[in-house]
Structures are given as structure tokens and as C-alpha cells.
Amino acid sequence: MTDYFGVRIGGTRIEFKDGEVLEAKAEQNDDLLQLVLSEGKGDVRKLGGFEIGMNPEIMEPIGYSVWDSKSYGDVTLWIGDNTLIGGENKASLSWGFMVVRPVVTLDGRIMLEERGFMIP
């Protein structure tokens, strides 16, 4: 889930390949998602950041991104500009997406599922 200038974009699925958005779809306001991705300037389609929330005191997002990004076992990812955190992506936006209870895989192995960490 995310929003763009107060317009909620929900049910979002983004597929990445080599760190770049290959395909993106949203169940709610897909037209706005497509517009932003097509009209953005620079590295707007590149993955800018990926954060796994690790605070066990925060178990549910409340709609405040600074708080929600810490929600235990949930993920926030950004596309676009990441120069403020030392990255190399230069884009007209840095856009965050919250993923509640994701399944995170690495090299085909599940690392996070239903807020349970499976670290070998």
C-alpha cells in the first residue's frame, strides 16, 4: 500500500528484475501508479531501498510511514531517488511502499514469512 499526494494506491504488486521495476499493478488507482511510473524522471523505476521492520513493540501499521517502517516483520521498499541515504539513484521522486506480512525470499529460499524470520 502507498499513497501519492494523499491518493491511496492499494493492492499493489511490483515485480523487479535486476533492481528495476519490470511490471507494476495496483487494484486501487492503478492509473495513477502507471502515470507516475511513466512520467517520472531519472531512475524512478529503480529500487531505492528495502527495509524490514524489527521493532517487536510495533505490530501493526497505523498510516504514519516513520512509525510503520519499523513494524515487526513488515517491509517497506522504495523506488526512485536514494541519494539522501548514500545511494546512486537520481530521480524526480522517492516513493515508499508498505508490505504487510510479506513473504521475502533470497536466492529462492524463504527468509521471512508471516512475521517469522527463517535465517539458516
PDB file of N, CA and C in Angstrom:
ATOM      1  N   MET A   1       0.839  -1.176   0.000  1.00  0.00           N
ATOM      2  CA  MET A   1       0.000   0.000   0.000  1.00  0.00           C
ATOM      3  C   MET A   1       0.882   1.237   0.000  1.00  0.00           C
ATOM      4  N   THR A   2       0.383   2.266  -0.618  1.00  0.00           N
ATOM      5  CA  THR A   2       1.082   3.530  -0.646  1.00  0.00           C
ATOM      6  C   THR A   2       0.072   4.623  -0.943  1.00  0.00           C
ATOM      7  N   ASP A   3       0.538   5.822  -0.970  1.00  0.00           N
ATOM      8  CA  ASP A   3      -0.309   6.910  -1.452  1.00  0.00           C
ATOM      9  C   ASP A   3       0.564   7.859  -2.257  1.00  0.00           C
ATOM     10  N   TYR A   4      -0.087   8.643  -3.069  1.00  0.00           N
ATOM     11  CA  TYR A   4       0.606   9.644  -3.870  1.00  0.00           C
ATOM     12  C   TYR A   4      -0.159  10.937  -3.713  1.00  0.00           C
ATOM     13  N   PHE A   5       0.437  11.888  -3.003  1.00  0.00           N
ATOM     14  CA  PHE A   5      -0.202  13.155  -2.677  1.00  0.00           C
ATOM     15  C   PHE A   5      -1.603  12.949  -2.123  1.00  0.00           C
ATOM     16  N   GLY A   6      -1.724  12.002  -1.186  1.00  0.00           N
ATOM     17  CA  GLY A   6      -2.973  11.749  -0.488  1.00  0.00           C
ATOM     18  C   GLY A   6      -3.933  10.796  -1.172  1.00  0.00           C
ATOM     19  N   VAL A   7      -3.623  10.327  -2.368  1.00  0.00           N
ATOM     20  CA  VAL A   7      -4.480   9.367  -3.065  1.00  0.00           C
ATOM     21  C   VAL A   7      -3.935   7.967  -2.796  1.00  0.00           C
ATOM     22  N   ARG A   8      -4.748   7.146  -2.171  1.00  0.00           N
ATOM     23  CA  ARG A   8      -4.312   5.795  -1.806  1.00  0.00           C
ATOM     24  C   ARG A   8      -4.220   4.897  -3.039  1.00  0.00           C
ATOM     25  N   ILE A   9      -3.124   4.160  -3.106  1.00  0.00           N
ATOM     26  CA  ILE A   9      -2.915   3.165  -4.150  1.00  0.00           C
ATOM     27  C   ILE A   9      -2.769   1.838  -3.413  1.00  0.00           C
ATOM     28  N   GLY A  10      -3.754   0.972  -3.577  1.00  0.00           N
ATOM     29  CA  GLY A  10      -3.793  -0.260  -2.791  1.00  0.00           C
ATOM     30  C   GLY A  10      -3.720  -1.507  -3.642  1.00  0.00           C
ATOM     31  N   GLY A  11      -3.410  -2.612  -2.986  1.00  0.00           N
ATOM     32  CA  GLY A  11      -3.304  -3.891  -3.665  1.00  0.00           C
ATOM     33  C   GLY A  11      -2.210  -3.886  -4.714  1.00  0.00           C
ATOM     34  N   THR A  12      -1.106  -3.276  -4.370  1.00  0.00           N
ATOM     35  CA  THR A  12      -0.013  -3.090  -5.324  1.00  0.00           C
ATOM     36  C   THR A  12       0.874  -4.327  -5.388  1.00  0.00           C
ATOM     37  N   ARG A  13       1.210  -4.702  -6.603  1.00  0.00           N
ATOM     38  CA  ARG A  13       2.173  -5.784  -6.830  1.00  0.00           C
ATOM     39  C   ARG A  13       3.234  -5.241  -7.784  1.00  0.00           C
ATOM     40  N   ILE A  14       4.482  -5.306  -7.342  1.00  0.00           N
ATOM     41  CA  ILE A  14       5.590  -4.816  -8.155  1.00  0.00           C
ATOM     42  C   ILE A  14       6.580  -5.953  -8.348  1.00  0.00           C
ATOM     43  N   GLU A  15       6.925  -6.188  -9.584  1.00  0.00           N
ATOM     44  CA  GLU A  15       7.909  -7.218  -9.916  1.00  0.00           C
ATOM     45  C   GLU A  15       9.195  -6.526 -10.341  1.00  0.00           C
ATOM     46  N   PHE A  16      10.301  -6.946  -9.735  1.00  0.00           N
ATOM     47  CA  PHE A  16      11.604  -6.372 -10.043  1.00  0.00           C
ATOM     48  C   PHE A  16      12.464  -7.383 -10.778  1.00  0.00           C
ATOM     49  N   LYS A  17      13.312  -6.877 -11.630  1.00  0.00           N
ATOM     50  CA  LYS A  17      14.360  -7.692 -12.245  1.00  0.00           C
ATOM     51  C   LYS A  17      15.617  -6.831 -12.280  1.00  0.00           C
ATOM     52  N   ASP A  18      16.692  -7.370 -11.743  1.00  0.00           N
ATOM     53  CA  ASP A  18      17.963  -6.655 -11.686  1.00  0.00           C
ATOM     54  C   ASP A  18      17.804  -5.267 -11.062  1.00  0.00           C
ATOM     55  N   GLY A  19      16.959  -5.185 -10.014  1.00  0.00           N
ATOM     56  CA  GLY A  19      16.807  -3.935  -9.274  1.00  0.00           C
ATOM     57  C   GLY A  19      15.953  -2.878  -9.943  1.00  0.00           C
ATOM     58  N   GLU A  20      15.204  -3.249 -10.964  1.00  0.00           N
ATOM     59  CA  GLU A  20      14.367  -2.279 -11.663  1.00  0.00           C
ATOM     60  C   GLU A  20      12.954  -2.827 -11.819  1.00  0.00           C
ATOM     61  N   VAL A  21      11.973  -1.930 -11.746  1.00  0.00           N
ATOM     62  CA  VAL A  21      10.576  -2.329 -11.892  1.00  0.00           C
ATOM     63  C   VAL A  21      10.372  -2.915 -13.282  1.00  0.00           C
ATOM     64  N   LEU A  22       9.973  -4.173 -13.316  1.00  0.00           N
ATOM     65  CA  LEU A  22       9.672  -4.846 -14.566  1.00  0.00           C
ATOM     66  C   LEU A  22       8.191  -4.656 -14.893  1.00  0.00           C
ATOM     67  N   GLU A  23       7.355  -4.840 -13.858  1.00  0.00           N
ATOM     68  CA  GLU A  23       5.917  -4.671 -14.018  1.00  0.00           C
ATOM     69  C   GLU A  23       5.334  -4.228 -12.688  1.00  0.00           C
ATOM     70  N   ALA A  24       4.327  -3.364 -12.751  1.00  0.00           N
ATOM     71  CA  ALA A  24       3.643  -2.903 -11.549  1.00  0.00           C
ATOM     72  C   ALA A  24       2.151  -2.824 -11.836  1.00  0.00           C
ATOM     73  N   LYS A  25       1.368  -3.275 -10.883  1.00  0.00           N
ATOM     74  CA  LYS A  25      -0.096  -3.242 -10.988  1.00  0.00           C
ATOM     75  C   LYS A  25      -0.664  -2.893  -9.627  1.00  0.00           C
ATOM     76  N   ALA A  26      -1.804  -2.225  -9.626  1.00  0.00           N
ATOM     77  CA  ALA A  26      -2.494  -1.920  -8.384  1.00  0.00           C
ATOM     78  C   ALA A  26      -3.981  -2.209  -8.559  1.00  0.00           C
ATOM     79  N   GLU A  27      -4.596  -2.749  -7.522  1.00  0.00           N
ATOM     80  CA  GLU A  27      -6.030  -2.996  -7.548  1.00  0.00           C
ATOM     81  C   GLU A  27      -6.810  -1.692  -7.401  1.00  0.00           C
ATOM     82  N   GLN A  28      -6.226  -0.743  -6.708  1.00  0.00           N
ATOM     83  CA  GLN A  28      -6.870   0.543  -6.447  1.00  0.00           C
ATOM     84  C   GLN A  28      -6.005   1.661  -7.022  1.00  0.00           C
ATOM     85  N   ASN A  29      -6.546   2.436  -7.940  1.00  0.00           N
ATOM     86  CA  ASN A  29      -5.876   3.581  -8.570  1.00  0.00           C
ATOM     87  C   ASN A  29      -4.645   3.184  -9.374  1.00  0.00           C
ATOM     88  N   ASP A  30      -4.772   2.103 -10.132  1.00  0.00           N
ATOM     89  CA  ASP A  30      -3.680   1.656 -10.992  1.00  0.00           C
ATOM     90  C   ASP A  30      -3.308   2.717 -12.019  1.00  0.00           C
ATOM     91  N   ASP A  31      -4.290   3.481 -12.496  1.00  0.00           N
ATOM     92  CA  ASP A  31      -3.997   4.514 -13.490  1.00  0.00           C
ATOM     93  C   ASP A  31      -3.000   5.535 -12.956  1.00  0.00           C
ATOM     94  N   LEU A  32      -3.113   5.880 -11.682  1.00  0.00           N
ATOM     95  CA  LEU A  32      -2.174   6.825 -11.078  1.00  0.00           C
ATOM     96  C   LEU A  32      -0.793   6.195 -10.931  1.00  0.00           C
ATOM     97  N   LEU A  33      -0.742   4.946 -10.514  1.00  0.00           N
ATOM     98  CA  LEU A  33       0.541   4.238 -10.414  1.00  0.00           C
ATOM     99  C   LEU A  33       1.245   4.235 -11.760  1.00  0.00           C
ATOM    100  N   GLN A  34       0.530   3.879 -12.816  1.00  0.00           N
ATOM    101  CA  GLN A  34       1.128   3.825 -14.152  1.00  0.00           C
ATOM    102  C   GLN A  34       1.592   5.199 -14.614  1.00  0.00           C
ATOM    103  N   LEU A  35       0.807   6.233 -14.320  1.00  0.00           N
ATOM    104  CA  LEU A  35       1.171   7.597 -14.711  1.00  0.00           C
ATOM    105  C   LEU A  35       2.472   8.028 -14.041  1.00  0.00           C
ATOM    106  N   VAL A  36       2.581   7.793 -12.743  1.00  0.00           N
ATOM    107  CA  VAL A  36       3.790   8.199 -12.015  1.00  0.00           C
ATOM    108  C   VAL A  36       5.010   7.451 -12.544  1.00  0.00           C
ATOM    109  N   LEU A  37       4.862   6.153 -12.787  1.00  0.00           N
ATOM    110  CA  LEU A  37       5.999   5.369 -13.286  1.00  0.00           C
ATOM    111  C   LEU A  37       6.396   5.778 -14.704  1.00  0.00           C
ATOM    112  N   SER A  38       5.445   6.165 -15.514  1.00  0.00           N
ATOM    113  CA  SER A  38       5.772   6.518 -16.903  1.00  0.00           C
ATOM    114  C   SER A  38       6.255   7.955 -17.049  1.00  0.00           C
ATOM    115  N   GLU A  39       5.805   8.845 -16.182  1.00  0.00           N
ATOM    116  CA  GLU A  39       6.156  10.259 -16.313  1.00  0.00           C
ATOM    117  C   GLU A  39       7.305  10.696 -15.408  1.00  0.00           C
ATOM    118  N   GLY A  40       7.684   9.862 -14.460  1.00  0.00           N
ATOM    119  CA  GLY A  40       8.783  10.213 -13.564  1.00  0.00           C
ATOM    120  C   GLY A  40      10.091  10.356 -14.325  1.00  0.00           C
ATOM    121  N   LYS A  41      10.959  11.174 -13.814  1.00  0.00           N
ATOM    122  CA  LYS A  41      12.250  11.442 -14.466  1.00  0.00           C
ATOM    123  C   LYS A  41      13.387  10.714 -13.764  1.00  0.00           C
ATOM    124  N   GLY A  42      14.372  10.327 -14.543  1.00  0.00           N
ATOM    125  CA  GLY A  42      15.570   9.691 -13.992  1.00  0.00           C
ATOM    126  C   GLY A  42      15.338   8.237 -13.624  1.00  0.00           C
ATOM    127  N   ASP A  43      15.893   7.837 -12.477  1.00  0.00           N
ATOM    128  CA  ASP A  43      15.886   6.441 -12.033  1.00  0.00           C
ATOM    129  C   ASP A  43      14.616   6.061 -11.275  1.00  0.00           C
ATOM    130  N   VAL A  44      13.481   6.602 -11.678  1.00  0.00           N
ATOM    131  CA  VAL A  44      12.225   6.411 -10.946  1.00  0.00           C
ATOM    132  C   VAL A  44      11.798   4.944 -10.871  1.00  0.00           C
ATOM    133  N   ARG A  45      12.231   4.102 -11.795  1.00  0.00           N
ATOM    134  CA  ARG A  45      11.837   2.696 -11.801  1.00  0.00           C
ATOM    135  C   ARG A  45      12.848   1.786 -11.095  1.00  0.00           C
ATOM    136  N   LYS A  46      13.884   2.363 -10.506  1.00  0.00           N
ATOM    137  CA  LYS A  46      14.901   1.554  -9.823  1.00  0.00           C
ATOM    138  C   LYS A  46      14.573   1.415  -8.337  1.00  0.00           C
ATOM    139  N   LEU A  47      14.919   0.243  -7.791  1.00  0.00           N
ATOM    140  CA  LEU A  47      14.760   0.022  -6.360  1.00  0.00           C
ATOM    141  C   LEU A  47      15.703   0.953  -5.613  1.00  0.00           C
ATOM    142  N   GLY A  48      15.150   1.745  -4.714  1.00  0.00           N
ATOM    143  CA  GLY A  48      15.959   2.700  -3.976  1.00  0.00           C
ATOM    144  C   GLY A  48      16.308   2.244  -2.573  1.00  0.00           C
ATOM    145  N   GLY A  49      15.473   1.406  -1.990  1.00  0.00           N
ATOM    146  CA  GLY A  49      15.730   0.942  -0.638  1.00  0.00           C
ATOM    147  C   GLY A  49      14.780  -0.168  -0.240  1.00  0.00           C
ATOM    148  N   PHE A  50      15.189  -0.929   0.750  1.00  0.00           N
ATOM    149  CA  PHE A  50      14.429  -2.072   1.239  1.00  0.00           C
ATOM    150  C   PHE A  50      14.675  -2.158   2.732  1.00  0.00           C
ATOM    151  N   GLU A  51      13.622  -2.123   3.525  1.00  0.00           N
ATOM    152  CA  GLU A  51      13.767  -2.129   4.977  1.00  0.00           C
ATOM    153  C   GLU A  51      12.812  -3.155   5.584  1.00  0.00           C
ATOM    154  N   ILE A  52      13.325  -3.964   6.491  1.00  0.00           N
ATOM    155  CA  ILE A  52      12.495  -4.902   7.236  1.00  0.00           C
ATOM    156  C   ILE A  52      12.336  -4.348   8.641  1.00  0.00           C
ATOM    157  N   GLY A  53      11.079  -4.169   9.049  1.00  0.00           N
ATOM    158  CA  GLY A  53      10.798  -3.664  10.393  1.00  0.00           C
ATOM    159  C   GLY A  53      11.194  -4.671  11.453  1.00  0.00           C
ATOM    160  N   MET A  54      11.875  -4.195  12.487  1.00  0.00           N
ATOM    161  CA  MET A  54      12.405  -5.094  13.515  1.00  0.00           C
ATOM    162  C   MET A  54      11.950  -4.740  14.934  1.00  0.00           C
ATOM    163  N   ASN A  55      10.998  -3.814  15.080  1.00  0.00           N
ATOM    164  CA  ASN A  55      10.579  -3.393  16.411  1.00  0.00           C
ATOM    165  C   ASN A  55       9.398  -4.249  16.882  1.00  0.00           C
ATOM    166  N   PRO A  56       9.606  -5.149  17.850  1.00  0.00           N
ATOM    167  CA  PRO A  56       8.525  -6.021  18.305  1.00  0.00           C
ATOM    168  C   PRO A  56       7.424  -5.282  19.067  1.00  0.00           C
ATOM    169  N   GLU A  57       7.652  -4.033  19.405  1.00  0.00           N
ATOM    170  CA  GLU A  57       6.629  -3.230  20.075  1.00  0.00           C
ATOM    171  C   GLU A  57       5.643  -2.625  19.068  1.00  0.00           C
ATOM    172  N   ILE A  58       5.979  -2.693  17.788  1.00  0.00           N
ATOM    173  CA  ILE A  58       5.103  -2.152  16.742  1.00  0.00           C
ATOM    174  C   ILE A  58       4.664  -3.342  15.887  1.00  0.00           C
ATOM    175  N   MET A  59       3.418  -3.753  16.061  1.00  0.00           N
ATOM    176  CA  MET A  59       2.941  -4.946  15.359  1.00  0.00           C
ATOM    177  C   MET A  59       1.951  -4.638  14.232  1.00  0.00           C
ATOM    178  N   GLU A  60       1.448  -3.432  14.154  1.00  0.00           N
ATOM    179  CA  GLU A  60       0.503  -3.075  13.096  1.00  0.00           C
ATOM    180  C   GLU A  60       0.798  -1.666  12.599  1.00  0.00           C
ATOM    181  N   PRO A  61       0.790  -1.476  11.293  1.00  0.00           N
ATOM    182  CA  PRO A  61       0.971  -0.125  10.757  1.00  0.00           C
ATOM    183  C   PRO A  61      -0.231   0.756  11.091  1.00  0.00           C
ATOM    184  N   ILE A  62       0.035   2.057  11.261  1.00  0.00           N
ATOM    185  CA  ILE A  62      -1.036   2.994  11.610  1.00  0.00           C
ATOM    186  C   ILE A  62      -1.232   4.087  10.559  1.00  0.00           C
ATOM    187  N   GLY A  63      -0.434   4.049   9.489  1.00  0.00           N
ATOM    188  CA  GLY A  63      -0.574   5.059   8.444  1.00  0.00           C
ATOM    189  C   GLY A  63       0.430   6.192   8.541  1.00  0.00           C
ATOM    190  N   TYR A  64       1.390   6.098   9.441  1.00  0.00           N
ATOM    191  CA  TYR A  64       2.450   7.096   9.591  1.00  0.00           C
ATOM    192  C   TYR A  64       3.755   6.400   9.211  1.00  0.00           C
ATOM    193  N   SER A  65       4.312   6.759   8.055  1.00  0.00           N
ATOM    194  CA  SER A  65       5.409   5.992   7.466  1.00  0.00           C
ATOM    195  C   SER A  65       6.639   5.871   8.355  1.00  0.00           C
ATOM    196  N   VAL A  66       6.958   6.891   9.139  1.00  0.00           N
ATOM    197  CA  VAL A  66       8.134   6.816  10.012  1.00  0.00           C
ATOM    198  C   VAL A  66       7.943   5.712  11.053  1.00  0.00           C
ATOM    199  N   TRP A  67       6.742   5.569  11.559  1.00  0.00           N
ATOM    200  CA  TRP A  67       6.402   4.522  12.530  1.00  0.00           C
ATOM    201  C   TRP A  67       6.242   3.175  11.823  1.00  0.00           C
ATOM    202  N   ASP A  68       5.462   3.171  10.743  1.00  0.00           N
ATOM    203  CA  ASP A  68       5.120   1.923  10.053  1.00  0.00           C
ATOM    204  C   ASP A  68       6.335   1.185   9.518  1.00  0.00           C
ATOM    205  N   SER A  69       7.351   1.900   9.110  1.00  0.00           N
ATOM    206  CA  SER A  69       8.533   1.248   8.546  1.00  0.00           C
ATOM    207  C   SER A  69       9.281   0.417   9.585  1.00  0.00           C
ATOM    208  N   LYS A  70       8.933   0.565  10.845  1.00  0.00           N
ATOM    209  CA  LYS A  70       9.558  -0.213  11.922  1.00  0.00           C
ATOM    210  C   LYS A  70       8.698  -1.394  12.351  1.00  0.00           C
ATOM    211  N   SER A  71       7.505  -1.541  11.801  1.00  0.00           N
ATOM    212  CA  SER A  71       6.543  -2.575  12.183  1.00  0.00           C
ATOM    213  C   SER A  71       7.146  -3.969  12.006  1.00  0.00           C
ATOM    214  N   TYR A  72       7.180  -4.730  13.073  1.00  0.00           N
ATOM    215  CA  TYR A  72       7.891  -6.006  13.138  1.00  0.00           C
ATOM    216  C   TYR A  72       7.464  -6.961  12.030  1.00  0.00           C
ATOM    217  N   GLY A  73       8.443  -7.390  11.241  1.00  0.00           N
ATOM    218  CA  GLY A  73       8.202  -8.380  10.204  1.00  0.00           C
ATOM    219  C   GLY A  73       7.518  -7.858   8.961  1.00  0.00           C
ATOM    220  N   ASP A  74       7.290  -6.559   8.899  1.00  0.00           N
ATOM    221  CA  ASP A  74       6.743  -5.951   7.699  1.00  0.00           C
ATOM    222  C   ASP A  74       7.881  -5.312   6.911  1.00  0.00           C
ATOM    223  N   VAL A  75       7.619  -4.985   5.660  1.00  0.00           N
ATOM    224  CA  VAL A  75       8.663  -4.471   4.783  1.00  0.00           C
ATOM    225  C   VAL A  75       8.232  -3.145   4.177  1.00  0.00           C
ATOM    226  N   THR A  76       9.171  -2.249   4.048  1.00  0.00           N
ATOM    227  CA  THR A  76       8.976  -1.035   3.269  1.00  0.00           C
ATOM    228  C   THR A  76      10.034  -1.038   2.185  1.00  0.00           C
ATOM    229  N   LEU A  77       9.602  -0.797   0.962  1.00  0.00           N
ATOM    230  CA  LEU A  77      10.574  -0.649  -0.120  1.00  0.00           C
ATOM    231  C   LEU A  77      10.312   0.666  -0.816  1.00  0.00           C
ATOM    232  N   TRP A  78      11.367   1.214  -1.403  1.00  0.00           N
ATOM    233  CA  TRP A  78      11.273   2.490  -2.106  1.00  0.00           C
ATOM    234  C   TRP A  78      11.755   2.309  -3.523  1.00  0.00           C
ATOM    235  N   ILE A  79      11.131   3.058  -4.395  1.00  0.00           N
ATOM    236  CA  ILE A  79      11.655   3.155  -5.751  1.00  0.00           C
ATOM    237  C   ILE A  79      12.060   4.595  -5.981  1.00  0.00           C
ATOM    238  N   GLY A  80      13.001   4.784  -6.876  1.00  0.00           N
ATOM    239  CA  GLY A  80      13.425   6.127  -7.232  1.00  0.00           C
ATOM    240  C   GLY A  80      14.645   6.598  -6.479  1.00  0.00           C
ATOM    241  N   ASP A  81      14.681   7.892  -6.243  1.00  0.00           N
ATOM    242  CA  ASP A  81      15.852   8.558  -5.680  1.00  0.00           C
ATOM    243  C   ASP A  81      16.236   7.995  -4.318  1.00  0.00           C
ATOM    244  N   ASN A  82      17.534   7.767  -4.136  1.00  0.00           N
ATOM    245  CA  ASN A  82      18.047   7.328  -2.834  1.00  0.00           C
ATOM    246  C   ASN A  82      19.346   8.049  -2.473  1.00  0.00           C
ATOM    247  N   THR A  83      19.586   9.187  -3.096  1.00  0.00           N
ATOM    248  CA  THR A  83      20.831   9.911  -2.845  1.00  0.00           C
ATOM    249  C   THR A  83      20.936  10.423  -1.408  1.00  0.00           C
ATOM    250  N   LEU A  84      19.807  10.685  -0.746  1.00  0.00           N
ATOM    251  CA  LEU A  84      19.848  11.177   0.632  1.00  0.00           C
ATOM    252  C   LEU A  84      20.350  10.125   1.616  1.00  0.00           C
ATOM    253  N   ILE A  85      20.318   8.853   1.210  1.00  0.00           N
ATOM    254  CA  ILE A  85      20.832   7.792   2.089  1.00  0.00           C
ATOM    255  C   ILE A  85      22.114   7.180   1.524  1.00  0.00           C
ATOM    256  N   GLY A  86      22.768   7.918   0.633  1.00  0.00           N
ATOM    257  CA  GLY A  86      24.056   7.485   0.105  1.00  0.00           C
ATOM    258  C   GLY A  86      23.999   6.660  -1.159  1.00  0.00           C
ATOM    259  N   GLY A  87      22.807   6.531  -1.755  1.00  0.00           N
ATOM    260  CA  GLY A  87      22.672   5.737  -2.972  1.00  0.00           C
ATOM    261  C   GLY A  87      23.040   6.522  -4.220  1.00  0.00           C
ATOM    262  N   GLU A  88      22.915   5.865  -5.349  1.00  0.00           N
ATOM    263  CA  GLU A  88      23.288   6.465  -6.631  1.00  0.00           C
ATOM    264  C   GLU A  88      22.098   6.772  -7.537  1.00  0.00           C
ATOM    265  N   ASN A  89      20.881   6.349  -7.136  1.00  0.00           N
ATOM    266  CA  ASN A  89      19.698   6.623  -7.956  1.00  0.00           C
ATOM    267  C   ASN A  89      19.342   8.100  -7.887  1.00  0.00           C
ATOM    268  N   LYS A  90      19.219   8.710  -9.046  1.00  0.00           N
ATOM    269  CA  LYS A  90      18.778  10.103  -9.123  1.00  0.00           C
ATOM    270  C   LYS A  90      17.461  10.118  -9.873  1.00  0.00           C
ATOM    271  N   ALA A  91      16.401  10.550  -9.186  1.00  0.00           N
ATOM    272  CA  ALA A  91      15.070  10.527  -9.788  1.00  0.00           C
ATOM    273  C   ALA A  91      14.238  11.694  -9.267  1.00  0.00           C
ATOM    274  N   SER A  92      13.119  11.909  -9.936  1.00  0.00           N
ATOM    275  CA  SER A  92      12.219  13.002  -9.566  1.00  0.00           C
ATOM    276  C   SER A  92      11.392  12.665  -8.331  1.00  0.00           C
ATOM    277  N   LEU A  93      11.504  11.427  -7.825  1.00  0.00           N
ATOM    278  CA  LEU A  93      10.783  11.068  -6.603  1.00  0.00           C
ATOM    279  C   LEU A  93      11.452   9.917  -5.897  1.00  0.00           C
ATOM    280  N   SER A  94      11.140   9.789  -4.639  1.00  0.00           N
ATOM    281  CA  SER A  94      11.494   8.635  -3.834  1.00  0.00           C
ATOM    282  C   SER A  94      10.181   8.185  -3.217  1.00  0.00           C
ATOM    283  N   TRP A  95       9.694   7.011  -3.611  1.00  0.00           N
ATOM    284  CA  TRP A  95       8.329   6.606  -3.300  1.00  0.00           C
ATOM    285  C   TRP A  95       8.335   5.305  -2.523  1.00  0.00           C
ATOM    286  N   GLY A  96       7.780   5.321  -1.333  1.00  0.00           N
ATOM    287  CA  GLY A  96       7.767   4.153  -0.472  1.00  0.00           C
ATOM    288  C   GLY A  96       6.486   3.351  -0.569  1.00  0.00           C
ATOM    289  N   PHE A  97       6.634   2.025  -0.456  1.00  0.00           N
ATOM    290  CA  PHE A  97       5.520   1.091  -0.477  1.00  0.00           C
ATOM    291  C   PHE A  97       5.622   0.195   0.750  1.00  0.00           C
ATOM    292  N   MET A  98       4.546   0.109   1.516  1.00  0.00           N
ATOM    293  CA  MET A  98       4.493  -0.728   2.717  1.00  0.00           C
ATOM    294  C   MET A  98       3.918  -2.084   2.345  1.00  0.00           C
ATOM    295  N   VAL A  99       4.604  -3.147   2.785  1.00  0.00           N
ATOM    296  CA  VAL A  99       4.130  -4.503   2.533  1.00  0.00           C
ATOM    297  C   VAL A  99       3.906  -5.165   3.892  1.00  0.00           C
ATOM    298  N   VAL A 100       2.649  -5.440   4.210  1.00  0.00           N
ATOM    299  CA  VAL A 100       2.299  -6.032   5.498  1.00  0.00           C
ATOM    300  C   VAL A 100       2.296  -7.553   5.372  1.00  0.00           C
ATOM    301  N   ARG A 101       2.997  -8.195   6.285  1.00  0.00           N
ATOM    302  CA  ARG A 101       3.126  -9.655   6.320  1.00  0.00           C
ATOM    303  C   ARG A 101       3.595 -10.237   4.981  1.00  0.00           C
ATOM    304  N   PRO A 102       4.724  -9.770   4.490  1.00  0.00           N
ATOM    305  CA  PRO A 102       5.214 -10.266   3.206  1.00  0.00           C
ATOM    306  C   PRO A 102       5.879 -11.631   3.334  1.00  0.00           C
ATOM    307  N   VAL A 103       6.071 -12.240   2.204  1.00  0.00           N
ATOM    308  CA  VAL A 103       6.970 -13.388   2.103  1.00  0.00           C
ATOM    309  C   VAL A 103       8.207 -12.847   1.399  1.00  0.00           C
ATOM    310  N   VAL A 104       9.351 -12.933   2.050  1.00  0.00           N
ATOM    311  CA  VAL A 104      10.602 -12.444   1.490  1.00  0.00           C
ATOM    312  C   VAL A 104      11.483 -13.644   1.195  1.00  0.00           C
ATOM    313  N   THR A 105      11.928 -13.728  -0.057  1.00  0.00           N
ATOM    314  CA  THR A 105      12.832 -14.810  -0.441  1.00  0.00           C
ATOM    315  C   THR A 105      14.162 -14.224  -0.881  1.00  0.00           C
ATOM    316  N   LEU A 106      15.194 -15.007  -0.704  1.00  0.00           N
ATOM    317  CA  LEU A 106      16.532 -14.644  -1.146  1.00  0.00           C
ATOM    318  C   LEU A 106      17.127 -15.875  -1.806  1.00  0.00           C
ATOM    319  N   ASP A 107      17.473 -15.737  -3.067  1.00  0.00           N
ATOM    320  CA  ASP A 107      18.017 -16.862  -3.828  1.00  0.00           C
ATOM    321  C   ASP A 107      17.111 -18.093  -3.740  1.00  0.00           C
ATOM    322  N   GLY A 108      15.795 -17.855  -3.786  1.00  0.00           N
ATOM    323  CA  GLY A 108      14.833 -18.940  -3.784  1.00  0.00           C
ATOM    324  C   GLY A 108      14.501 -19.525  -2.420  1.00  0.00           C
ATOM    325  N   ARG A 109      15.107 -19.006  -1.359  1.00  0.00           N
ATOM    326  CA  ARG A 109      14.851 -19.513  -0.004  1.00  0.00           C
ATOM    327  C   ARG A 109      14.023 -18.494   0.768  1.00  0.00           C
ATOM    328  N   ILE A 110      12.987 -18.968   1.449  1.00  0.00           N
ATOM    329  CA  ILE A 110      12.152 -18.072   2.255  1.00  0.00           C
ATOM    330  C   ILE A 110      12.955 -17.606   3.465  1.00  0.00           C
ATOM    331  N   MET A 111      13.013 -16.287   3.630  1.00  0.00           N
ATOM    332  CA  MET A 111      13.732 -15.683   4.753  1.00  0.00           C
ATOM    333  C   MET A 111      12.774 -15.087   5.787  1.00  0.00           C
ATOM    334  N   LEU A 112      11.578 -14.694   5.327  1.00  0.00           N
ATOM    335  CA  LEU A 112      10.592 -14.067   6.205  1.00  0.00           C
ATOM    336  C   LEU A 112       9.211 -14.455   5.696  1.00  0.00           C
ATOM    337  N   GLU A 113       8.376 -14.966   6.614  1.00  0.00           N
ATOM    338  CA  GLU A 113       7.006 -15.311   6.255  1.00  0.00           C
ATOM    339  C   GLU A 113       6.136 -15.203   7.503  1.00  0.00           C
ATOM    340  N   GLU A 114       4.989 -14.518   7.364  1.00  0.00           N
ATOM    341  CA  GLU A 114       4.073 -14.320   8.499  1.00  0.00           C
ATOM    342  C   GLU A 114       4.807 -13.812   9.741  1.00  0.00           C
ATOM    343  N   ARG A 115       5.699 -12.868   9.508  1.00  0.00           N
ATOM    344  CA  ARG A 115       6.485 -12.215  10.562  1.00  0.00           C
ATOM    345  C   ARG A 115       7.417 -13.167  11.299  1.00  0.00           C
ATOM    346  N   GLY A 116       7.679 -14.308  10.695  1.00  0.00           N
ATOM    347  CA  GLY A 116       8.639 -15.250  11.269  1.00  0.00           C
ATOM    348  C   GLY A 116       9.902 -15.254  10.423  1.00  0.00           C
ATOM    349  N   PHE A 117      11.037 -15.022  11.060  1.00  0.00           N
ATOM    350  CA  PHE A 117      12.306 -14.989  10.369  1.00  0.00           C
ATOM    351  C   PHE A 117      12.911 -16.386  10.305  1.00  0.00           C
ATOM    352  N   MET A 118      13.314 -16.805   9.118  1.00  0.00           N
ATOM    353  CA  MET A 118      13.884 -18.129   8.918  1.00  0.00           C
ATOM    354  C   MET A 118      15.310 -17.968   8.391  1.00  0.00           C
ATOM    355  N   ILE A 119      16.215 -17.737   9.303  1.00  0.00           N
ATOM    356  CA  ILE A 119      17.595 -17.484   8.910  1.00  0.00           C
ATOM    357  C   ILE A 119      18.403 -18.759   9.133  1.00  0.00           C
ATOM    358  N   PRO A 120      19.011 -19.250   8.046  1.00  0.00           N
ATOM    359  CA  PRO A 120      19.767 -20.511   8.157  1.00  0.00           C
ATOM    360  C   PRO A 120      21.023 -20.354   8.994  1.00  0.00           C
TER     361      PRO A 120
END
